[in-house]
Every structure is written in structure tokens, then in C-alpha cells.
PDB file of N, CA and C in Angstrom:
ATOM      1  N   UNK A   1       7.486  -4.880  50.647  1.00  0.00           N
ATOM      2  CA  UNK A   1       7.795  -6.083  50.784  1.00  0.00           C
ATOM      3  C   UNK A   1       7.289  -6.638  52.372  1.00  0.00           C
ATOM      4  N   UNK A   2       6.569  -7.865  52.234  1.00  0.00           N
ATOM      5  CA  UNK A   2       6.287  -8.497  53.534  1.00  0.00           C
ATOM      6  C   UNK A   2       6.597  -9.910  53.694  1.00  0.00           C
ATOM      7  N   UNK A   3       7.089 -10.309  54.775  1.00  0.00           N
ATOM      8  CA  UNK A   3       7.181 -11.671  55.025  1.00  0.00           C
ATOM      9  C   UNK A   3       6.375 -12.207  56.128  1.00  0.00           C
ATOM     10  N   UNK A   4       5.534 -13.156  56.167  1.00  0.00           N
ATOM     11  CA  UNK A   4       4.603 -13.654  57.138  1.00  0.00           C
ATOM     12  C   UNK A   4       4.812 -15.284  57.083  1.00  0.00           C
ATOM     13  N   UNK A   5       4.540 -15.954  58.298  1.00  0.00           N
ATOM     14  CA  UNK A   5       4.343 -17.319  58.397  1.00  0.00           C
ATOM     15  C   UNK A   5       3.471 -18.004  57.532  1.00  0.00           C
ATOM     16  N   UNK A   6       3.800 -19.210  57.128  1.00  0.00           N
ATOM     17  CA  UNK A   6       3.142 -19.968  56.114  1.00  0.00           C
ATOM     18  C   UNK A   6       2.316 -20.960  57.029  1.00  0.00           C
ATOM     19  N   UNK A   7       0.952 -21.112  57.018  1.00  0.00           N
ATOM     20  CA  UNK A   7       0.356 -21.992  58.102  1.00  0.00           C
ATOM     21  C   UNK A   7       0.456 -23.556  57.426  1.00  0.00           C
ATOM     22  N   UNK A   8       0.718 -23.715  56.238  1.00  0.00           N
ATOM     23  CA  UNK A   8       0.993 -24.956  55.954  1.00  0.00           C
ATOM     24  C   UNK A   8       2.017 -25.707  56.511  1.00  0.00           C
ATOM     25  N   UNK A   9       3.140 -24.855  56.928  1.00  0.00           N
ATOM     26  CA  UNK A   9       4.221 -25.510  57.827  1.00  0.00           C
ATOM     27  C   UNK A   9       4.055 -25.219  59.229  1.00  0.00           C
ATOM     28  N   UNK A  10       3.364 -24.113  59.543  1.00  0.00           N
ATOM     29  CA  UNK A  10       3.533 -23.801  61.040  1.00  0.00           C
ATOM     30  C   UNK A  10       2.062 -24.019  61.628  1.00  0.00           C
ATOM     31  N   UNK A  11       1.062 -24.947  61.343  1.00  0.00           N
ATOM     32  CA  UNK A  11      -0.311 -25.026  61.766  1.00  0.00           C
ATOM     33  C   UNK A  11      -0.992 -23.784  61.654  1.00  0.00           C
ATOM     34  N   UNK A  12      -1.615 -23.487  62.840  1.00  0.00           N
ATOM     35  CA  UNK A  12      -2.420 -22.213  63.085  1.00  0.00           C
ATOM     36  C   UNK A  12      -1.762 -20.959  62.947  1.00  0.00           C
ATOM     37  N   UNK A  13      -0.407 -21.234  62.813  1.00  0.00           N
ATOM     38  CA  UNK A  13       0.350 -19.647  62.916  1.00  0.00           C
ATOM     39  C   UNK A  13       0.613 -19.284  61.576  1.00  0.00           C
ATOM     40  N   UNK A  14       0.023 -18.032  61.125  1.00  0.00           N
ATOM     41  CA  UNK A  14       0.274 -17.682  59.556  1.00  0.00           C
ATOM     42  C   UNK A  14      -0.849 -17.789  58.839  1.00  0.00           C
ATOM     43  N   UNK A  15      -0.774 -17.633  57.709  1.00  0.00           N
ATOM     44  CA  UNK A  15      -1.593 -17.575  56.589  1.00  0.00           C
ATOM     45  C   UNK A  15      -1.510 -18.727  55.457  1.00  0.00           C
ATOM     46  N   UNK A  16      -2.692 -19.160  55.131  1.00  0.00           N
ATOM     47  CA  UNK A  16      -2.644 -19.980  54.041  1.00  0.00           C
ATOM     48  C   UNK A  16      -2.295 -19.098  52.772  1.00  0.00           C
ATOM     49  N   UNK A  17      -2.257 -20.029  51.594  1.00  0.00           N
ATOM     50  CA  UNK A  17      -1.777 -19.302  50.503  1.00  0.00           C
ATOM     51  C   UNK A  17      -3.041 -18.534  50.128  1.00  0.00           C
ATOM     52  N   UNK A  18      -4.209 -18.968  49.889  1.00  0.00           N
ATOM     53  CA  UNK A  18      -5.489 -18.293  49.532  1.00  0.00           C
ATOM     54  C   UNK A  18      -5.767 -17.167  50.543  1.00  0.00           C
ATOM     55  N   UNK A  19      -5.509 -17.177  51.661  1.00  0.00           N
ATOM     56  CA  UNK A  19      -5.662 -15.837  52.544  1.00  0.00           C
ATOM     57  C   UNK A  19      -4.585 -14.811  52.291  1.00  0.00           C
ATOM     58  N   UNK A  20      -3.437 -15.173  51.916  1.00  0.00           N
ATOM     59  CA  UNK A  20      -2.386 -14.186  51.659  1.00  0.00           C
ATOM     60  C   UNK A  20      -2.680 -13.550  50.237  1.00  0.00           C
ATOM     61  N   UNK A  21      -2.872 -14.463  49.449  1.00  0.00           N
ATOM     62  CA  UNK A  21      -3.289 -13.958  48.070  1.00  0.00           C
ATOM     63  C   UNK A  21      -4.491 -13.190  47.968  1.00  0.00           C
ATOM     64  N   UNK A  22      -5.605 -13.409  48.728  1.00  0.00           N
ATOM     65  CA  UNK A  22      -6.722 -12.542  48.975  1.00  0.00           C
ATOM     66  C   UNK A  22      -6.534 -11.179  49.418  1.00  0.00           C
ATOM     67  N   UNK A  23      -5.548 -11.331  50.407  1.00  0.00           N
ATOM     68  CA  UNK A  23      -5.380  -9.964  51.291  1.00  0.00           C
ATOM     69  C   UNK A  23      -4.579  -8.924  50.207  1.00  0.00           C
ATOM     70  N   UNK A  24      -3.675  -9.529  49.303  1.00  0.00           N
ATOM     71  CA  UNK A  24      -2.829  -8.671  48.508  1.00  0.00           C
ATOM     72  C   UNK A  24      -3.614  -8.268  47.106  1.00  0.00           C
ATOM     73  N   UNK A  25      -4.344  -9.282  46.874  1.00  0.00           N
ATOM     74  CA  UNK A  25      -5.356  -8.968  45.486  1.00  0.00           C
ATOM     75  C   UNK A  25      -6.345  -7.763  45.730  1.00  0.00           C
ATOM     76  N   UNK A  26      -6.919  -7.779  47.019  1.00  0.00           N
ATOM     77  CA  UNK A  26      -7.908  -6.840  47.307  1.00  0.00           C
ATOM     78  C   UNK A  26      -7.124  -5.427  47.574  1.00  0.00           C
ATOM     79  N   UNK A  27      -5.888  -5.361  47.734  1.00  0.00           N
ATOM     80  CA  UNK A  27      -5.288  -4.015  48.130  1.00  0.00           C
ATOM     81  C   UNK A  27      -4.073  -3.636  47.376  1.00  0.00           C
ATOM     82  N   UNK A  28      -3.515  -4.714  46.292  1.00  0.00           N
ATOM     83  CA  UNK A  28      -2.435  -3.958  45.400  1.00  0.00           C
ATOM     84  C   UNK A  28      -2.881  -4.232  43.942  1.00  0.00           C
ATOM     85  N   UNK A  29      -2.547  -3.558  43.134  1.00  0.00           N
ATOM     86  CA  UNK A  29      -2.540  -3.797  41.826  1.00  0.00           C
ATOM     87  C   UNK A  29      -1.672  -4.895  41.180  1.00  0.00           C
ATOM     88  N   UNK A  30      -0.224  -5.021  41.556  1.00  0.00           N
ATOM     89  CA  UNK A  30       0.603  -5.713  41.343  1.00  0.00           C
ATOM     90  C   UNK A  30       1.349  -6.453  42.484  1.00  0.00           C
ATOM     91  N   UNK A  31       1.349  -7.882  42.479  1.00  0.00           N
ATOM     92  CA  UNK A  31       2.119  -8.458  43.703  1.00  0.00           C
ATOM     93  C   UNK A  31       2.705  -9.767  43.131  1.00  0.00           C
ATOM     94  N   UNK A  32       3.548 -10.108  44.073  1.00  0.00           N
ATOM     95  CA  UNK A  32       4.241 -11.590  43.663  1.00  0.00           C
ATOM     96  C   UNK A  32       4.332 -12.103  45.146  1.00  0.00           C
ATOM     97  N   UNK A  33       3.960 -13.407  45.123  1.00  0.00           N
ATOM     98  CA  UNK A  33       4.085 -14.426  46.149  1.00  0.00           C
ATOM     99  C   UNK A  33       5.396 -15.222  46.267  1.00  0.00           C
ATOM    100  N   UNK A  34       6.384 -15.158  47.193  1.00  0.00           N
ATOM    101  CA  UNK A  34       7.307 -16.104  46.829  1.00  0.00           C
ATOM    102  C   UNK A  34       7.001 -17.142  47.987  1.00  0.00           C
ATOM    103  N   UNK A  35       6.926 -18.284  47.664  1.00  0.00           N
ATOM    104  CA  UNK A  35       6.451 -19.534  48.575  1.00  0.00           C
ATOM    105  C   UNK A  35       7.577 -20.081  48.973  1.00  0.00           C
ATOM    106  N   UNK A  36       7.168 -20.807  50.336  1.00  0.00           N
ATOM    107  CA  UNK A  36       8.216 -21.362  50.885  1.00  0.00           C
ATOM    108  C   UNK A  36       8.668 -22.650  50.215  1.00  0.00           C
ATOM    109  N   UNK A  37       9.955 -23.125  50.613  1.00  0.00           N
ATOM    110  CA  UNK A  37      10.528 -23.976  49.805  1.00  0.00           C
ATOM    111  C   UNK A  37      10.386 -25.581  50.440  1.00  0.00           C
ATOM    112  N   UNK A  38       9.903 -25.762  51.614  1.00  0.00           N
ATOM    113  CA  UNK A  38       9.814 -27.185  52.127  1.00  0.00           C
ATOM    114  C   UNK A  38       8.288 -27.582  51.821  1.00  0.00           C
ATOM    115  N   UNK A  39       8.356 -28.878  51.383  1.00  0.00           N
ATOM    116  CA  UNK A  39       7.018 -29.551  51.162  1.00  0.00           C
ATOM    117  C   UNK A  39       6.381 -29.618  52.603  1.00  0.00           C
ATOM    118  N   UNK A  40       5.160 -29.575  52.699  1.00  0.00           N
ATOM    119  CA  UNK A  40       4.562 -29.661  54.014  1.00  0.00           C
ATOM    120  C   UNK A  40       4.474 -31.166  54.264  1.00  0.00           C
ATOM    121  N   UNK A  41       4.412 -31.411  55.655  1.00  0.00           N
ATOM    122  CA  UNK A  41       4.340 -32.914  56.110  1.00  0.00           C
ATOM    123  C   UNK A  41       2.760 -32.980  56.754  1.00  0.00           C
ATOM    124  N   UNK A  42       2.553 -34.238  56.667  1.00  0.00           N
ATOM    125  CA  UNK A  42       0.979 -34.723  57.173  1.00  0.00           C
ATOM    126  C   UNK A  42      -0.014 -34.259  56.376  1.00  0.00           C
ATOM    127  N   UNK A  43      -1.241 -33.947  56.919  1.00  0.00           N
ATOM    128  CA  UNK A  43      -2.170 -33.720  56.092  1.00  0.00           C
ATOM    129  C   UNK A  43      -2.167 -32.312  55.219  1.00  0.00           C
ATOM    130  N   UNK A  44      -1.373 -31.516  55.679  1.00  0.00           N
ATOM    131  CA  UNK A  44      -0.856 -30.227  54.870  1.00  0.00           C
ATOM    132  C   UNK A  44      -0.304 -30.634  53.456  1.00  0.00           C
ATOM    133  N   UNK A  45       0.409 -31.929  53.601  1.00  0.00           N
ATOM    134  CA  UNK A  45       0.800 -32.229  52.193  1.00  0.00           C
ATOM    135  C   UNK A  45      -0.226 -32.489  51.182  1.00  0.00           C
ATOM    136  N   UNK A  46      -0.992 -32.947  51.330  1.00  0.00           N
ATOM    137  CA  UNK A  46      -2.255 -33.217  50.617  1.00  0.00           C
ATOM    138  C   UNK A  46      -2.725 -31.942  49.841  1.00  0.00           C
ATOM    139  N   UNK A  47      -2.885 -30.864  50.764  1.00  0.00           N
ATOM    140  CA  UNK A  47      -3.471 -29.516  50.406  1.00  0.00           C
ATOM    141  C   UNK A  47      -2.400 -29.108  49.482  1.00  0.00           C
ATOM    142  N   UNK A  48      -1.017 -29.158  49.797  1.00  0.00           N
ATOM    143  CA  UNK A  48      -0.064 -28.578  48.886  1.00  0.00           C
ATOM    144  C   UNK A  48      -0.378 -29.191  47.631  1.00  0.00           C
ATOM    145  N   UNK A  49      -0.478 -30.367  47.447  1.00  0.00           N
ATOM    146  CA  UNK A  49      -0.415 -31.137  46.345  1.00  0.00           C
ATOM    147  C   UNK A  49      -1.752 -30.652  45.426  1.00  0.00           C
ATOM    148  N   UNK A  50      -2.764 -30.488  46.192  1.00  0.00           N
ATOM    149  CA  UNK A  50      -4.164 -30.094  45.392  1.00  0.00           C
ATOM    150  C   UNK A  50      -3.836 -28.667  44.735  1.00  0.00           C
ATOM    151  N   UNK A  51      -3.366 -28.069  45.806  1.00  0.00           N
ATOM    152  CA  UNK A  51      -2.841 -26.191  45.151  1.00  0.00           C
ATOM    153  C   UNK A  51      -2.209 -26.442  44.167  1.00  0.00           C
ATOM    154  N   UNK A  52      -1.054 -27.262  44.393  1.00  0.00           N
ATOM    155  CA  UNK A  52      -0.265 -27.256  42.815  1.00  0.00           C
ATOM    156  C   UNK A  52      -0.882 -27.715  41.938  1.00  0.00           C
ATOM    157  N   UNK A  53      -1.852 -28.728  41.803  1.00  0.00           N
ATOM    158  CA  UNK A  53      -2.613 -29.167  40.549  1.00  0.00           C
ATOM    159  C   UNK A  53      -3.355 -28.023  40.206  1.00  0.00           C
ATOM    160  N   UNK A  54      -4.009 -27.131  40.932  1.00  0.00           N
ATOM    161  CA  UNK A  54      -4.811 -26.284  40.737  1.00  0.00           C
ATOM    162  C   UNK A  54      -4.109 -24.896  40.156  1.00  0.00           C
ATOM    163  N   UNK A  55      -2.879 -24.957  40.215  1.00  0.00           N
ATOM    164  CA  UNK A  55      -2.209 -23.799  39.758  1.00  0.00           C
ATOM    165  C   UNK A  55      -2.333 -22.799  40.627  1.00  0.00           C
ATOM    166  N   UNK A  56      -2.374 -22.981  42.032  1.00  0.00           N
ATOM    167  CA  UNK A  56      -2.547 -21.729  43.074  1.00  0.00           C
ATOM    168  C   UNK A  56      -1.164 -21.721  43.832  1.00  0.00           C
ATOM    169  N   UNK A  57      -0.146 -21.604  43.311  1.00  0.00           N
ATOM    170  CA  UNK A  57       1.004 -21.375  43.944  1.00  0.00           C
ATOM    171  C   UNK A  57       1.857 -19.952  43.754  1.00  0.00           C
ATOM    172  N   UNK A  58       2.642 -19.788  44.577  1.00  0.00           N
ATOM    173  CA  UNK A  58       3.570 -18.643  44.592  1.00  0.00           C
ATOM    174  C   UNK A  58       4.874 -19.154  43.738  1.00  0.00           C
ATOM    175  N   UNK A  59       5.734 -18.075  43.604  1.00  0.00           N
ATOM    176  CA  UNK A  59       7.321 -18.416  42.883  1.00  0.00           C
ATOM    177  C   UNK A  59       7.999 -19.204  44.164  1.00  0.00           C
ATOM    178  N   UNK A  60       8.559 -20.289  43.669  1.00  0.00           N
ATOM    179  CA  UNK A  60       9.138 -21.028  44.453  1.00  0.00           C
ATOM    180  C   UNK A  60      10.812 -20.924  44.306  1.00  0.00           C
ATOM    181  N   UNK A  61      11.755 -20.608  45.186  1.00  0.00           N
ATOM    182  CA  UNK A  61      12.797 -20.430  45.066  1.00  0.00           C
ATOM    183  C   UNK A  61      13.631 -21.381  46.023  1.00  0.00           C
ATOM    184  N   UNK A  62      13.989 -22.540  45.689  1.00  0.00           N
ATOM    185  CA  UNK A  62      14.602 -23.373  46.406  1.00  0.00           C
ATOM    186  C   UNK A  62      16.016 -23.969  46.268  1.00  0.00           C
ATOM    187  N   UNK A  63      16.575 -23.583  45.150  1.00  0.00           N
ATOM    188  CA  UNK A  63      17.866 -24.133  44.779  1.00  0.00           C
ATOM    189  C   UNK A  63      19.077 -23.845  45.711  1.00  0.00           C
ATOM    190  N   UNK A  64      18.855 -22.735  46.653  1.00  0.00           N
ATOM    191  CA  UNK A  64      20.164 -22.573  47.349  1.00  0.00           C
ATOM    192  C   UNK A  64      19.883 -23.059  48.920  1.00  0.00           C
ATOM    193  N   UNK A  65      18.854 -23.508  49.055  1.00  0.00           N
ATOM    194  CA  UNK A  65      18.515 -23.994  50.659  1.00  0.00           C
ATOM    195  C   UNK A  65      19.452 -24.889  51.265  1.00  0.00           C
ATOM    196  N   UNK A  66      20.017 -24.352  52.181  1.00  0.00           N
ATOM    197  CA  UNK A  66      21.049 -25.483  53.090  1.00  0.00           C
ATOM    198  C   UNK A  66      20.196 -26.059  54.050  1.00  0.00           C
ATOM    199  N   UNK A  67      19.990 -27.390  53.960  1.00  0.00           N
ATOM    200  CA  UNK A  67      19.019 -27.958  54.942  1.00  0.00           C
ATOM    201  C   UNK A  67      19.723 -28.394  55.913  1.00  0.00           C
ATOM    202  N   UNK A  68      21.034 -28.108  56.308  1.00  0.00           N
ATOM    203  CA  UNK A  68      21.978 -28.412  57.413  1.00  0.00           C
ATOM    204  C   UNK A  68      21.522 -27.258  58.470  1.00  0.00           C
ATOM    205  N   UNK A  69      20.942 -26.280  57.860  1.00  0.00           N
ATOM    206  CA  UNK A  69      20.977 -24.802  58.548  1.00  0.00           C
ATOM    207  C   UNK A  69      19.192 -24.579  58.752  1.00  0.00           C
ATOM    208  N   UNK A  70      18.452 -25.693  58.743  1.00  0.00           N
ATOM    209  CA  UNK A  70      17.136 -25.561  58.625  1.00  0.00           C
ATOM    210  C   UNK A  70      16.604 -26.444  59.998  1.00  0.00           C
ATOM    211  N   UNK A  71      15.932 -25.886  60.644  1.00  0.00           N
ATOM    212  CA  UNK A  71      15.192 -26.327  61.902  1.00  0.00           C
ATOM    213  C   UNK A  71      14.104 -27.085  61.560  1.00  0.00           C
ATOM    214  N   UNK A  72      14.206 -28.588  61.630  1.00  0.00           N
ATOM    215  CA  UNK A  72      13.062 -29.504  61.610  1.00  0.00           C
ATOM    216  C   UNK A  72      12.693 -30.358  62.651  1.00  0.00           C
ATOM    217  N   UNK A  73      11.646 -30.835  62.670  1.00  0.00           N
ATOM    218  CA  UNK A  73      11.129 -31.704  63.784  1.00  0.00           C
ATOM    219  C   UNK A  73      12.271 -32.817  63.919  1.00  0.00           C
ATOM    220  N   UNK A  74      12.607 -33.562  64.944  1.00  0.00           N
ATOM    221  CA  UNK A  74      13.431 -34.761  65.066  1.00  0.00           C
ATOM    222  C   UNK A  74      12.770 -35.902  64.258  1.00  0.00           C
ATOM    223  N   UNK A  75      13.887 -36.396  63.538  1.00  0.00           N
ATOM    224  CA  UNK A  75      13.517 -37.602  62.619  1.00  0.00           C
ATOM    225  C   UNK A  75      12.827 -37.409  61.401  1.00  0.00           C
ATOM    226  N   UNK A  76      13.002 -35.829  61.182  1.00  0.00           N
ATOM    227  CA  UNK A  76      12.197 -35.520  59.841  1.00  0.00           C
ATOM    228  C   UNK A  76      13.235 -35.421  58.784  1.00  0.00           C
ATOM    229  N   UNK A  77      12.568 -35.933  57.579  1.00  0.00           N
ATOM    230  CA  UNK A  77      13.445 -35.633  56.408  1.00  0.00           C
ATOM    231  C   UNK A  77      12.951 -34.653  55.411  1.00  0.00           C
ATOM    232  N   UNK A  78      13.549 -33.563  55.429  1.00  0.00           N
ATOM    233  CA  UNK A  78      13.032 -32.481  54.576  1.00  0.00           C
ATOM    234  C   UNK A  78      13.231 -32.818  53.095  1.00  0.00           C
ATOM    235  N   UNK A  79      11.959 -32.410  52.260  1.00  0.00           N
ATOM    236  CA  UNK A  79      11.589 -32.494  51.013  1.00  0.00           C
ATOM    237  C   UNK A  79      11.485 -31.118  50.432  1.00  0.00           C
ATOM    238  N   UNK A  80      12.278 -30.696  49.420  1.00  0.00           N
ATOM    239  CA  UNK A  80      12.179 -29.291  48.906  1.00  0.00           C
ATOM    240  C   UNK A  80      11.372 -29.552  47.576  1.00  0.00           C
ATOM    241  N   UNK A  81      10.535 -28.511  47.477  1.00  0.00           N
ATOM    242  CA  UNK A  81       9.640 -28.217  46.187  1.00  0.00           C
ATOM    243  C   UNK A  81      10.602 -27.918  45.202  1.00  0.00           C
ATOM    244  N   UNK A  82      10.284 -28.093  43.901  1.00  0.00           N
ATOM    245  CA  UNK A  82      11.141 -27.819  42.648  1.00  0.00           C
ATOM    246  C   UNK A  82      10.546 -26.149  42.533  1.00  0.00           C
ATOM    247  N   UNK A  83      11.736 -25.353  42.396  1.00  0.00           N
ATOM    248  CA  UNK A  83      11.744 -24.066  42.228  1.00  0.00           C
ATOM    249  C   UNK A  83      12.542 -23.481  41.134  1.00  0.00           C
ATOM    250  N   UNK A  84      12.505 -22.171  41.160  1.00  0.00           N
ATOM    251  CA  UNK A  84      13.207 -21.405  40.176  1.00  0.00           C
ATOM    252  C   UNK A  84      14.710 -21.642  40.338  1.00  0.00           C
ATOM    253  N   UNK A  85      15.462 -21.418  39.444  1.00  0.00           N
ATOM    254  CA  UNK A  85      16.999 -21.782  39.236  1.00  0.00           C
ATOM    255  C   UNK A  85      17.492 -20.275  40.003  1.00  0.00           C
ATOM    256  N   UNK A  86      18.396 -20.363  40.873  1.00  0.00           N
ATOM    257  CA  UNK A  86      18.732 -19.148  41.204  1.00  0.00           C
ATOM    258  C   UNK A  86      19.360 -18.108  40.063  1.00  0.00           C
ATOM    259  N   UNK A  87      18.816 -16.875  40.217  1.00  0.00           N
ATOM    260  CA  UNK A  87      19.179 -15.792  39.313  1.00  0.00           C
ATOM    261  C   UNK A  87      18.345 -14.621  39.421  1.00  0.00           C
ATOM    262  N   UNK A  88      17.606 -14.296  38.279  1.00  0.00           N
ATOM    263  CA  UNK A  88      16.852 -13.042  38.434  1.00  0.00           C
ATOM    264  C   UNK A  88      15.357 -13.137  38.069  1.00  0.00           C
ATOM    265  N   UNK A  89      14.711 -12.570  38.774  1.00  0.00           N
ATOM    266  CA  UNK A  89      13.374 -12.647  38.556  1.00  0.00           C
ATOM    267  C   UNK A  89      12.458 -11.279  38.528  1.00  0.00           C
ATOM    268  N   UNK A  90      11.922 -11.121  37.317  1.00  0.00           N
ATOM    269  CA  UNK A  90      11.419  -9.653  36.969  1.00  0.00           C
ATOM    270  C   UNK A  90       9.933  -9.351  37.522  1.00  0.00           C
ATOM    271  N   UNK A  91       9.881  -8.349  38.489  1.00  0.00           N
ATOM    272  CA  UNK A  91       8.891  -7.987  39.147  1.00  0.00           C
ATOM    273  C   UNK A  91       8.576  -6.586  38.650  1.00  0.00           C
ATOM    274  N   UNK A  92       7.586  -6.201  37.862  1.00  0.00           N
ATOM    275  CA  UNK A  92       7.383  -4.882  37.273  1.00  0.00           C
ATOM    276  C   UNK A  92       8.517  -4.403  36.718  1.00  0.00           C
ATOM    277  N   UNK A  93       9.228  -3.180  37.054  1.00  0.00           N
ATOM    278  CA  UNK A  93      10.126  -2.761  36.333  1.00  0.00           C
ATOM    279  C   UNK A  93      11.560  -2.961  37.275  1.00  0.00           C
ATOM    280  N   UNK A  94      11.358  -3.695  38.243  1.00  0.00           N
ATOM    281  CA  UNK A  94      12.577  -4.262  39.281  1.00  0.00           C
ATOM    282  C   UNK A  94      13.095  -5.689  39.023  1.00  0.00           C
ATOM    283  N   UNK A  95      14.287  -5.838  39.031  1.00  0.00           N
ATOM    284  CA  UNK A  95      14.875  -7.226  38.862  1.00  0.00           C
ATOM    285  C   UNK A  95      15.256  -7.719  40.314  1.00  0.00           C
ATOM    286  N   UNK A  96      14.818  -8.791  40.736  1.00  0.00           N
ATOM    287  CA  UNK A  96      14.980  -9.378  41.876  1.00  0.00           C
ATOM    288  C   UNK A  96      16.031 -10.432  41.994  1.00  0.00           C
ATOM    289  N   UNK A  97      17.180 -10.547  42.636  1.00  0.00           N
ATOM    290  CA  UNK A  97      18.246 -11.465  42.684  1.00  0.00           C
ATOM    291  C   UNK A  97      17.540 -12.548  43.779  1.00  0.00           C
ATOM    292  N   UNK A  98      17.118 -13.734  43.074  1.00  0.00           N
ATOM    293  CA  UNK A  98      16.640 -14.733  43.882  1.00  0.00           C
ATOM    294  C   UNK A  98      17.744 -15.527  44.550  1.00  0.00           C
ATOM    295  N   UNK A  99      18.788 -15.248  44.365  1.00  0.00           N
ATOM    296  CA  UNK A  99      19.831 -15.822  45.075  1.00  0.00           C
ATOM    297  C   UNK A  99      19.886 -15.438  46.437  1.00  0.00           C
ATOM    298  N   UNK A 100      19.080 -14.244  46.650  1.00  0.00           N
ATOM    299  CA  UNK A 100      19.198 -13.753  48.114  1.00  0.00           C
ATOM    300  C   UNK A 100      17.833 -14.168  48.794  1.00  0.00           C
ATOM    301  N   UNK A 101      17.196 -15.107  48.369  1.00  0.00           N
ATOM    302  CA  UNK A 101      15.927 -15.471  48.851  1.00  0.00           C
ATOM    303  C   UNK A 101      16.252 -16.940  49.539  1.00  0.00           C
ATOM    304  N   UNK A 102      16.303 -17.007  50.894  1.00  0.00           N
ATOM    305  CA  UNK A 102      16.459 -18.241  51.537  1.00  0.00           C
ATOM    306  C   UNK A 102      15.248 -18.429  52.232  1.00  0.00           C
ATOM    307  N   UNK A 103      14.101 -18.728  51.734  1.00  0.00           N
ATOM    308  CA  UNK A 103      12.911 -18.860  52.242  1.00  0.00           C
ATOM    309  C   UNK A 103      12.343 -20.162  52.715  1.00  0.00           C
ATOM    310  N   UNK A 104      12.285 -20.525  53.998  1.00  0.00           N
ATOM    311  CA  UNK A 104      11.750 -21.902  54.324  1.00  0.00           C
ATOM    312  C   UNK A 104      10.769 -22.066  54.779  1.00  0.00           C
ATOM    313  N   UNK A 105      10.050 -21.116  55.731  1.00  0.00           N
ATOM    314  CA  UNK A 105       8.932 -21.381  56.236  1.00  0.00           C
ATOM    315  C   UNK A 105       7.858 -20.304  56.240  1.00  0.00           C
ATOM    316  N   UNK A 106       7.895 -19.457  55.487  1.00  0.00           N
ATOM    317  CA  UNK A 106       7.381 -18.270  55.156  1.00  0.00           C
ATOM    318  C   UNK A 106       6.820 -17.924  53.741  1.00  0.00           C
ATOM    319  N   UNK A 107       5.863 -16.952  53.768  1.00  0.00           N
ATOM    320  CA  UNK A 107       5.687 -16.360  52.511  1.00  0.00           C
ATOM    321  C   UNK A 107       6.346 -14.798  52.269  1.00  0.00           C
ATOM    322  N   UNK A 108       6.756 -14.727  51.389  1.00  0.00           N
ATOM    323  CA  UNK A 108       7.612 -13.256  51.176  1.00  0.00           C
ATOM    324  C   UNK A 108       6.693 -12.571  49.959  1.00  0.00           C
ATOM    325  N   UNK A 109       6.248 -11.490  50.149  1.00  0.00           N
ATOM    326  CA  UNK A 109       5.249 -10.835  49.080  1.00  0.00           C
ATOM    327  C   UNK A 109       5.979  -9.574  48.868  1.00  0.00           C
ATOM    328  N   UNK A 110       6.073  -9.053  47.461  1.00  0.00           N
ATOM    329  CA  UNK A 110       6.538  -7.955  46.984  1.00  0.00           C
ATOM    330  C   UNK A 110       5.036  -7.493  46.383  1.00  0.00           C
ATOM    331  N   UNK A 111       4.871  -6.097  46.495  1.00  0.00           N
ATOM    332  CA  UNK A 111       3.551  -5.542  46.001  1.00  0.00           C
ATOM    333  C   UNK A 111       3.696  -4.127  45.722  1.00  0.00           C
ATOM    334  N   UNK A 112       2.886  -3.693  44.692  1.00  0.00           N
ATOM    335  CA  UNK A 112       2.945  -2.456  44.212  1.00  0.00           C
ATOM    336  C   UNK A 112       1.823  -1.809  43.986  1.00  0.00           C
ATOM    337  N   UNK A 113       1.515  -0.744  44.222  1.00  0.00           N
ATOM    338  CA  UNK A 113       0.015   0.040  43.938  1.00  0.00           C
ATOM    339  C   UNK A 113      -0.111   0.529  42.397  1.00  0.00           C
TER     340      UNK A 113
END
């Protein structure tokens, strides 16, 4: 399991979806990318929309995000992506409790050889 910053939210810091997907696809037989819950701002918002239309997204868990605990730039209104309902997600032979995923600014990846 790996967590790493998402460049859609943090600019030049972190990985894009395509970069993190290519990295895991070339090294693991099975993997799932859990995607950040915030819709990107500025020019990255358009990139997110295009990626979503093309089906290049990870699993989004957003229902339990507490925006009062989220650090955002001043005068910013957060917008959440629509994601899984809190509960169980099956990865290979493992059940993952998505209620424990409070992922705002990062990619979380679970992988298995």
C-alpha cells in the first residue's frame, strides 16, 4: 500500500493519474488506485473532467470527508467528487473498509504481485 501526493491538487508536487497508473501497471499484476476526493481548481479542473470522461479514474471515496478539517486556500469553496458509499470494497481476496479512507490530497494505491 502506497500513498503519494496528487499533482492535480498540489501542482508540480506528486504524480498525475497517468504516471501513477503506468508505474503500478508495469510492476504489479493487480492494483487499485484510490483517488483524492476534491475536485481540482484552476486549469487542473479541465484535466480532471477530461480524464473522467475518458474513464481514466481511480476509486473515489468521498462520503465521509469532513471539509471543516480540510486545509484549503483562503476563500476557496471545496467541491467533492462523487464516490463510493462508505462500506466495503473488494480488492483481490481482501475486503477494504472504505470508511477508513479519508483521502483528500493524495493517491492511495494497493497492489499485489
